[in-house]
């Protein structure tokens, strides 16, 4: 049992943190859209910004345990993180527009549905492009895939 947990530790941590990030996103969206009366797209972008901030800090420290310690490397990592999150935000904005405006589905339901899609996309981005092992990133930067010919 412990071997199995250890094998999937990163994914389990990501799912837990992803769940917490989803709560941040959904709760803030609800407050912005339903309590404060903001337009659903504005509320979506603001809730995204809060969720991304939370996600970066927790993914860096808890899930992927990124060891970047310098300001330059950390800013590059953060820029990469935010860039990929912007890509997933674009998917979310298009989905919100399509399902809310065209299909007339309740925006809260669409927001919840989008969280599943965005969580999967963001894990793949984080795992394979953002929080890679420093040595692996240096190999990629030098053009060495590490595979023998």
N, C-alpha and C. Protein backbone atom coordinates (compact mmCIF):
# COMPACT_ATOMS: atom_id res chain seq x y z
N UNK A 1 0.83 -1.20 0.00
CA UNK A 1 0.00 0.00 0.00
C UNK A 1 0.87 1.26 0.00
N UNK A 2 1.91 1.27 0.87
CA UNK A 2 2.78 2.45 0.95
C UNK A 2 3.61 2.60 -0.32
N UNK A 3 3.99 1.48 -0.92
CA UNK A 3 4.73 1.52 -2.19
C UNK A 3 3.88 2.18 -3.27
N UNK A 4 2.61 1.80 -3.30
CA UNK A 4 1.69 2.34 -4.29
C UNK A 4 1.50 3.85 -4.07
N UNK A 5 1.33 4.25 -2.80
CA UNK A 5 1.19 5.67 -2.49
C UNK A 5 2.44 6.44 -2.87
N UNK A 6 3.61 5.86 -2.59
CA UNK A 6 4.87 6.51 -2.92
C UNK A 6 5.01 6.67 -4.43
N UNK A 7 4.61 5.63 -5.17
CA UNK A 7 4.71 5.66 -6.63
C UNK A 7 3.85 6.78 -7.22
N UNK A 8 2.70 7.02 -6.65
CA UNK A 8 1.78 8.03 -7.16
C UNK A 8 1.71 9.28 -6.29
N UNK A 9 2.71 9.46 -5.44
CA UNK A 9 2.73 10.58 -4.50
C UNK A 9 2.55 11.93 -5.20
N UNK A 10 3.30 12.15 -6.28
CA UNK A 10 3.23 13.44 -6.97
C UNK A 10 1.83 13.69 -7.53
N UNK A 11 1.25 12.69 -8.16
CA UNK A 11 -0.09 12.86 -8.73
C UNK A 11 -1.11 13.08 -7.63
N UNK A 12 -0.99 12.35 -6.52
CA UNK A 12 -1.93 12.53 -5.41
C UNK A 12 -1.81 13.92 -4.81
N UNK A 13 -0.57 14.38 -4.64
CA UNK A 13 -0.37 15.74 -4.13
C UNK A 13 -0.95 16.76 -5.11
N UNK A 14 -0.71 16.53 -6.40
CA UNK A 14 -1.23 17.46 -7.41
C UNK A 14 -2.76 17.49 -7.37
N UNK A 15 -3.38 16.34 -7.25
CA UNK A 15 -4.84 16.29 -7.19
C UNK A 15 -5.37 17.01 -5.95
N UNK A 16 -4.67 16.83 -4.82
CA UNK A 16 -5.10 17.53 -3.59
C UNK A 16 -4.95 19.04 -3.76
N UNK A 17 -3.77 19.46 -4.21
CA UNK A 17 -3.53 20.89 -4.42
C UNK A 17 -4.47 21.41 -5.51
N UNK A 18 -4.67 20.60 -6.56
CA UNK A 18 -5.61 20.98 -7.61
C UNK A 18 -7.02 21.17 -7.06
N UNK A 19 -7.40 20.30 -6.13
CA UNK A 19 -8.70 20.45 -5.48
C UNK A 19 -8.79 21.74 -4.68
N UNK A 20 -7.72 22.04 -3.96
CA UNK A 20 -7.67 23.30 -3.20
C UNK A 20 -7.70 24.51 -4.14
N UNK A 21 -6.97 24.41 -5.24
CA UNK A 21 -6.97 25.49 -6.23
C UNK A 21 -8.35 25.66 -6.83
N UNK A 22 -9.04 24.55 -7.07
CA UNK A 22 -10.40 24.61 -7.59
C UNK A 22 -11.33 25.31 -6.60
N UNK A 23 -11.15 25.02 -5.32
CA UNK A 23 -11.97 25.70 -4.30
C UNK A 23 -11.70 27.21 -4.33
N UNK A 24 -10.42 27.59 -4.43
CA UNK A 24 -10.08 29.02 -4.52
C UNK A 24 -10.75 29.63 -5.75
N UNK A 25 -10.65 28.95 -6.88
CA UNK A 25 -11.22 29.46 -8.13
C UNK A 25 -12.75 29.56 -8.05
N UNK A 26 -13.39 28.48 -7.63
CA UNK A 26 -14.86 28.47 -7.59
C UNK A 26 -15.43 29.43 -6.54
N UNK A 27 -14.81 29.45 -5.37
CA UNK A 27 -15.30 30.34 -4.31
C UNK A 27 -15.14 31.81 -4.70
N UNK A 28 -13.98 32.15 -5.25
CA UNK A 28 -13.78 33.54 -5.65
C UNK A 28 -14.67 33.89 -6.84
N UNK A 29 -14.86 32.95 -7.76
CA UNK A 29 -15.78 33.20 -8.88
C UNK A 29 -17.19 33.46 -8.36
N UNK A 30 -17.64 32.64 -7.44
CA UNK A 30 -18.98 32.81 -6.87
C UNK A 30 -19.13 34.19 -6.24
N UNK A 31 -18.12 34.59 -5.46
CA UNK A 31 -18.18 35.91 -4.81
C UNK A 31 -18.19 37.02 -5.85
N UNK A 32 -17.27 36.95 -6.81
CA UNK A 32 -17.20 38.01 -7.83
C UNK A 32 -18.46 38.07 -8.68
N UNK A 33 -18.95 36.91 -9.15
CA UNK A 33 -20.09 36.88 -10.07
C UNK A 33 -21.43 37.03 -9.37
N UNK A 34 -21.61 36.30 -8.27
CA UNK A 34 -22.93 36.25 -7.65
C UNK A 34 -23.12 37.23 -6.50
N UNK A 35 -22.09 37.49 -5.74
CA UNK A 35 -22.22 38.41 -4.62
C UNK A 35 -21.97 39.85 -5.07
N UNK A 36 -20.88 40.03 -5.84
CA UNK A 36 -20.52 41.38 -6.28
C UNK A 36 -21.18 41.77 -7.60
N UNK A 37 -21.78 40.81 -8.30
CA UNK A 37 -22.51 41.09 -9.53
C UNK A 37 -21.65 41.40 -10.75
N UNK A 38 -20.41 40.92 -10.76
CA UNK A 38 -19.54 41.16 -11.91
C UNK A 38 -20.00 40.33 -13.11
N UNK A 39 -19.66 40.79 -14.29
CA UNK A 39 -19.90 40.02 -15.51
C UNK A 39 -19.14 38.70 -15.38
N UNK A 40 -19.70 37.63 -15.91
CA UNK A 40 -19.10 36.31 -15.70
C UNK A 40 -17.68 36.20 -16.24
N UNK A 41 -17.36 36.89 -17.33
CA UNK A 41 -15.99 36.79 -17.87
C UNK A 41 -15.00 37.54 -16.96
N UNK A 42 -15.38 38.70 -16.45
CA UNK A 42 -14.51 39.45 -15.53
C UNK A 42 -14.30 38.65 -14.25
N UNK A 43 -15.37 38.07 -13.74
CA UNK A 43 -15.27 37.24 -12.54
C UNK A 43 -14.37 36.03 -12.80
N UNK A 44 -14.48 35.47 -13.98
CA UNK A 44 -13.65 34.32 -14.35
C UNK A 44 -12.17 34.68 -14.36
N UNK A 45 -11.82 35.81 -14.96
CA UNK A 45 -10.42 36.22 -15.04
C UNK A 45 -9.86 36.54 -13.64
N UNK A 46 -10.63 37.21 -12.82
CA UNK A 46 -10.15 37.52 -11.46
C UNK A 46 -9.99 36.25 -10.62
N UNK A 47 -10.94 35.35 -10.74
CA UNK A 47 -10.82 34.09 -9.97
C UNK A 47 -9.63 33.29 -10.49
N UNK A 48 -9.37 33.37 -11.78
CA UNK A 48 -8.21 32.71 -12.38
C UNK A 48 -6.92 33.27 -11.78
N UNK A 49 -6.82 34.59 -11.67
CA UNK A 49 -5.61 35.22 -11.14
C UNK A 49 -5.34 34.76 -9.70
N UNK A 50 -6.37 34.70 -8.89
CA UNK A 50 -6.19 34.22 -7.51
C UNK A 50 -5.78 32.76 -7.49
N UNK A 51 -6.42 31.95 -8.31
CA UNK A 51 -6.12 30.52 -8.35
C UNK A 51 -4.70 30.27 -8.86
N UNK A 52 -4.26 31.02 -9.86
CA UNK A 52 -2.91 30.84 -10.40
C UNK A 52 -1.86 31.19 -9.36
N UNK A 53 -2.08 32.26 -8.63
CA UNK A 53 -1.14 32.65 -7.57
C UNK A 53 -1.03 31.54 -6.53
N UNK A 54 -2.18 31.06 -6.08
CA UNK A 54 -2.20 29.96 -5.11
C UNK A 54 -1.53 28.72 -5.69
N UNK A 55 -1.86 28.39 -6.93
CA UNK A 55 -1.33 27.18 -7.57
C UNK A 55 0.18 27.24 -7.74
N UNK A 56 0.71 28.39 -8.14
CA UNK A 56 2.15 28.49 -8.35
C UNK A 56 2.89 28.21 -7.04
N UNK A 57 2.47 28.87 -5.99
CA UNK A 57 3.15 28.72 -4.70
C UNK A 57 3.08 27.28 -4.21
N UNK A 58 1.90 26.68 -4.28
CA UNK A 58 1.74 25.32 -3.75
C UNK A 58 2.37 24.26 -4.66
N UNK A 59 2.28 24.43 -5.97
CA UNK A 59 2.91 23.47 -6.87
C UNK A 59 4.43 23.52 -6.74
N UNK A 60 4.96 24.72 -6.63
CA UNK A 60 6.41 24.88 -6.50
C UNK A 60 6.92 24.24 -5.21
N UNK A 61 6.24 24.46 -4.12
CA UNK A 61 6.75 24.03 -2.82
C UNK A 61 6.29 22.63 -2.40
N UNK A 62 5.06 22.26 -2.72
CA UNK A 62 4.50 21.00 -2.21
C UNK A 62 4.56 19.87 -3.23
N UNK A 63 4.12 20.14 -4.46
CA UNK A 63 3.97 19.06 -5.43
C UNK A 63 5.29 18.71 -6.11
N UNK A 64 5.87 19.68 -6.80
CA UNK A 64 7.04 19.40 -7.61
C UNK A 64 8.35 19.74 -6.90
N UNK A 65 8.26 20.38 -5.75
CA UNK A 65 9.42 20.74 -4.91
C UNK A 65 10.56 21.33 -5.74
N UNK A 66 10.22 22.36 -6.47
CA UNK A 66 11.20 23.03 -7.32
C UNK A 66 12.31 23.62 -6.46
N UNK A 67 13.54 23.40 -6.87
CA UNK A 67 14.69 23.82 -6.09
C UNK A 67 15.32 25.12 -6.58
N UNK A 68 14.67 25.77 -7.54
CA UNK A 68 15.24 27.03 -8.01
C UNK A 68 15.33 28.00 -6.85
N UNK A 69 16.53 28.51 -6.65
CA UNK A 69 16.74 29.36 -5.49
C UNK A 69 17.10 30.80 -5.86
N UNK A 70 17.52 31.04 -7.06
CA UNK A 70 17.87 32.39 -7.47
C UNK A 70 16.67 33.14 -8.00
N UNK A 71 16.75 34.45 -7.95
CA UNK A 71 15.65 35.29 -8.42
C UNK A 71 15.42 35.08 -9.92
N UNK A 72 16.50 35.06 -10.71
CA UNK A 72 16.36 34.92 -12.16
C UNK A 72 15.67 33.61 -12.53
N UNK A 73 16.15 32.50 -11.98
CA UNK A 73 15.55 31.19 -12.30
C UNK A 73 14.10 31.11 -11.81
N UNK A 74 13.85 31.66 -10.64
CA UNK A 74 12.48 31.63 -10.10
C UNK A 74 11.55 32.46 -10.98
N UNK A 75 12.01 33.63 -11.43
CA UNK A 75 11.18 34.46 -12.30
C UNK A 75 10.92 33.78 -13.64
N UNK A 76 11.93 33.09 -14.18
CA UNK A 76 11.74 32.34 -15.43
C UNK A 76 10.72 31.22 -15.23
N UNK A 77 10.85 30.52 -14.12
CA UNK A 77 9.92 29.43 -13.81
C UNK A 77 8.50 29.99 -13.64
N UNK A 78 8.38 31.09 -12.91
CA UNK A 78 7.08 31.71 -12.68
C UNK A 78 6.49 32.21 -14.00
N UNK A 79 7.33 32.80 -14.85
CA UNK A 79 6.86 33.26 -16.15
C UNK A 79 6.35 32.11 -17.00
N UNK A 80 7.06 31.00 -16.97
CA UNK A 80 6.63 29.81 -17.69
C UNK A 80 5.29 29.31 -17.14
N UNK A 81 5.19 29.26 -15.83
CA UNK A 81 3.97 28.80 -15.17
C UNK A 81 2.78 29.66 -15.59
N UNK A 82 2.95 30.97 -15.50
CA UNK A 82 1.86 31.89 -15.84
C UNK A 82 1.53 31.80 -17.33
N UNK A 83 2.54 31.67 -18.18
CA UNK A 83 2.30 31.56 -19.62
C UNK A 83 1.43 30.36 -19.96
N UNK A 84 1.75 29.21 -19.37
CA UNK A 84 0.94 28.03 -19.63
C UNK A 84 -0.45 28.17 -19.01
N UNK A 85 -0.53 28.85 -17.88
CA UNK A 85 -1.85 29.07 -17.27
C UNK A 85 -2.69 30.01 -18.13
N UNK A 86 -2.04 30.94 -18.82
CA UNK A 86 -2.77 31.82 -19.74
C UNK A 86 -3.36 30.98 -20.88
N UNK A 87 -2.61 30.01 -21.34
CA UNK A 87 -3.11 29.12 -22.40
C UNK A 87 -4.35 28.37 -21.91
N UNK A 88 -4.30 27.86 -20.67
CA UNK A 88 -5.48 27.15 -20.16
C UNK A 88 -6.62 28.12 -19.87
N UNK A 89 -6.29 29.37 -19.53
CA UNK A 89 -7.34 30.38 -19.34
C UNK A 89 -8.05 30.65 -20.66
N UNK A 90 -7.31 30.69 -21.75
CA UNK A 90 -7.92 30.90 -23.07
C UNK A 90 -8.92 29.79 -23.37
N UNK A 91 -8.54 28.56 -23.06
CA UNK A 91 -9.46 27.43 -23.24
C UNK A 91 -10.72 27.65 -22.39
N UNK A 92 -10.51 28.11 -21.17
CA UNK A 92 -11.64 28.33 -20.26
C UNK A 92 -12.54 29.47 -20.73
N UNK A 93 -11.95 30.57 -21.20
CA UNK A 93 -12.75 31.71 -21.67
C UNK A 93 -13.59 31.31 -22.88
N UNK A 94 -12.98 30.61 -23.82
CA UNK A 94 -13.71 30.17 -25.01
C UNK A 94 -14.83 29.21 -24.62
N UNK A 95 -14.52 28.29 -23.71
CA UNK A 95 -15.53 27.35 -23.24
C UNK A 95 -16.68 28.07 -22.53
N UNK A 96 -16.33 29.03 -21.67
CA UNK A 96 -17.37 29.80 -20.95
C UNK A 96 -18.28 30.50 -21.96
N UNK A 97 -17.67 31.15 -22.93
CA UNK A 97 -18.46 31.86 -23.93
C UNK A 97 -19.38 30.88 -24.68
N UNK A 98 -18.82 29.81 -25.18
CA UNK A 98 -19.59 28.85 -25.97
C UNK A 98 -20.75 28.26 -25.18
N UNK A 99 -20.45 27.75 -23.99
CA UNK A 99 -21.49 27.05 -23.24
C UNK A 99 -22.48 27.99 -22.55
N UNK A 100 -22.03 29.18 -22.15
CA UNK A 100 -22.94 30.12 -21.48
C UNK A 100 -23.74 30.92 -22.50
N UNK A 101 -23.06 31.53 -23.46
CA UNK A 101 -23.75 32.40 -24.42
C UNK A 101 -24.50 31.63 -25.50
N UNK A 102 -23.88 30.60 -26.03
CA UNK A 102 -24.49 29.90 -27.17
C UNK A 102 -25.39 28.75 -26.72
N UNK A 103 -24.88 27.93 -25.80
CA UNK A 103 -25.66 26.77 -25.35
C UNK A 103 -26.61 27.09 -24.20
N UNK A 104 -26.45 28.28 -23.60
CA UNK A 104 -27.33 28.74 -22.51
C UNK A 104 -27.29 27.84 -21.27
N UNK A 105 -26.09 27.33 -20.96
CA UNK A 105 -25.90 26.53 -19.75
C UNK A 105 -25.50 27.47 -18.63
N UNK A 106 -25.95 27.21 -17.42
CA UNK A 106 -25.64 28.04 -16.26
C UNK A 106 -24.13 28.21 -16.11
N UNK A 107 -23.68 29.44 -15.92
CA UNK A 107 -22.24 29.74 -15.84
C UNK A 107 -21.55 29.01 -14.70
N UNK A 108 -22.23 28.79 -13.59
CA UNK A 108 -21.61 28.08 -12.46
C UNK A 108 -21.33 26.61 -12.81
N UNK A 109 -22.22 26.00 -13.57
CA UNK A 109 -22.02 24.61 -14.00
C UNK A 109 -20.85 24.53 -14.98
N UNK A 110 -20.79 25.48 -15.91
CA UNK A 110 -19.71 25.50 -16.90
C UNK A 110 -18.37 25.74 -16.20
N UNK A 111 -18.36 26.64 -15.22
CA UNK A 111 -17.12 26.91 -14.47
C UNK A 111 -16.64 25.64 -13.79
N UNK A 112 -17.53 24.89 -13.20
CA UNK A 112 -17.17 23.63 -12.54
C UNK A 112 -16.65 22.61 -13.55
N UNK A 113 -17.32 22.48 -14.69
CA UNK A 113 -16.89 21.56 -15.74
C UNK A 113 -15.49 21.93 -16.23
N UNK A 114 -15.26 23.21 -16.41
CA UNK A 114 -13.96 23.67 -16.91
C UNK A 114 -12.82 23.34 -15.94
N UNK A 115 -13.11 23.26 -14.67
CA UNK A 115 -12.07 22.98 -13.69
C UNK A 115 -11.44 21.61 -13.92
N UNK A 116 -12.23 20.65 -14.35
CA UNK A 116 -11.70 19.31 -14.64
C UNK A 116 -10.75 19.38 -15.83
N UNK A 117 -11.19 20.02 -16.89
CA UNK A 117 -10.37 20.14 -18.10
C UNK A 117 -9.08 20.90 -17.80
N UNK A 118 -9.20 22.01 -17.12
CA UNK A 118 -8.04 22.86 -16.81
C UNK A 118 -7.08 22.15 -15.87
N UNK A 119 -7.57 21.39 -14.92
CA UNK A 119 -6.70 20.66 -13.99
C UNK A 119 -5.82 19.66 -14.74
N UNK A 120 -6.40 18.94 -15.66
CA UNK A 120 -5.63 17.97 -16.45
C UNK A 120 -4.59 18.68 -17.31
N UNK A 121 -5.01 19.72 -18.02
CA UNK A 121 -4.07 20.48 -18.85
C UNK A 121 -2.92 21.04 -18.02
N UNK A 122 -3.26 21.62 -16.90
CA UNK A 122 -2.24 22.26 -16.07
C UNK A 122 -1.27 21.26 -15.46
N UNK A 123 -1.74 20.07 -15.12
CA UNK A 123 -0.82 19.04 -14.63
C UNK A 123 0.19 18.69 -15.71
N UNK A 124 -0.30 18.46 -16.91
CA UNK A 124 0.59 18.09 -18.01
C UNK A 124 1.60 19.20 -18.29
N UNK A 125 1.14 20.45 -18.30
CA UNK A 125 2.06 21.58 -18.50
C UNK A 125 3.10 21.63 -17.39
N UNK A 126 2.65 21.51 -16.14
CA UNK A 126 3.57 21.61 -15.00
C UNK A 126 4.58 20.47 -14.98
N UNK A 127 4.10 19.28 -15.20
CA UNK A 127 4.94 18.09 -15.14
C UNK A 127 6.01 18.07 -16.23
N UNK A 128 5.60 18.40 -17.45
CA UNK A 128 6.51 18.21 -18.57
C UNK A 128 7.20 19.48 -19.07
N UNK A 129 6.74 20.65 -18.64
CA UNK A 129 7.35 21.87 -19.16
C UNK A 129 7.83 22.85 -18.09
N UNK A 130 7.23 22.88 -16.93
CA UNK A 130 7.54 23.94 -15.97
C UNK A 130 8.44 23.47 -14.85
N UNK A 131 8.01 22.47 -14.09
CA UNK A 131 8.74 22.06 -12.89
C UNK A 131 9.59 20.82 -13.15
N UNK A 132 10.34 20.83 -14.21
CA UNK A 132 11.21 19.70 -14.51
C UNK A 132 12.44 19.76 -13.62
N UNK A 133 13.07 18.62 -13.49
CA UNK A 133 14.34 18.53 -12.80
C UNK A 133 15.33 19.50 -13.46
N UNK A 134 16.08 20.23 -12.67
CA UNK A 134 17.01 21.23 -13.18
C UNK A 134 17.98 20.64 -14.19
N UNK A 135 18.51 19.44 -13.93
CA UNK A 135 19.43 18.80 -14.87
C UNK A 135 18.74 18.50 -16.19
N UNK A 136 17.50 18.05 -16.12
CA UNK A 136 16.74 17.75 -17.34
C UNK A 136 16.53 19.03 -18.14
N UNK A 137 16.20 20.13 -17.48
CA UNK A 137 16.00 21.39 -18.18
C UNK A 137 17.30 21.87 -18.83
N UNK A 138 18.42 21.69 -18.15
CA UNK A 138 19.70 22.10 -18.72
C UNK A 138 20.04 21.26 -19.95
N UNK A 139 19.71 19.97 -19.93
CA UNK A 139 19.92 19.11 -21.09
C UNK A 139 19.06 19.59 -22.26
N UNK A 140 17.83 19.94 -21.97
CA UNK A 140 16.92 20.41 -23.02
C UNK A 140 17.46 21.71 -23.62
N UNK A 141 17.93 22.61 -22.75
CA UNK A 141 18.47 23.90 -23.22
C UNK A 141 19.69 23.69 -24.11
N UNK A 142 20.50 22.67 -23.84
CA UNK A 142 21.70 22.38 -24.63
C UNK A 142 21.36 21.55 -25.86
N UNK A 143 20.12 21.07 -25.96
CA UNK A 143 19.74 20.27 -27.12
C UNK A 143 20.04 18.80 -26.95
N UNK A 144 20.36 18.37 -25.74
CA UNK A 144 20.68 16.96 -25.47
C UNK A 144 19.49 16.32 -24.81
N UNK A 145 18.86 15.39 -25.49
CA UNK A 145 17.68 14.72 -24.94
C UNK A 145 18.02 13.67 -23.91
N UNK A 146 19.29 13.33 -23.82
CA UNK A 146 19.72 12.33 -22.86
C UNK A 146 19.56 10.92 -23.36
N UNK A 147 19.08 10.74 -24.58
CA UNK A 147 18.90 9.40 -25.15
C UNK A 147 20.12 9.02 -25.96
N UNK A 148 20.48 7.78 -25.85
CA UNK A 148 21.61 7.24 -26.63
C UNK A 148 21.14 6.97 -28.05
N UNK A 149 21.99 7.20 -29.04
CA UNK A 149 21.63 6.93 -30.44
C UNK A 149 21.92 5.51 -30.80
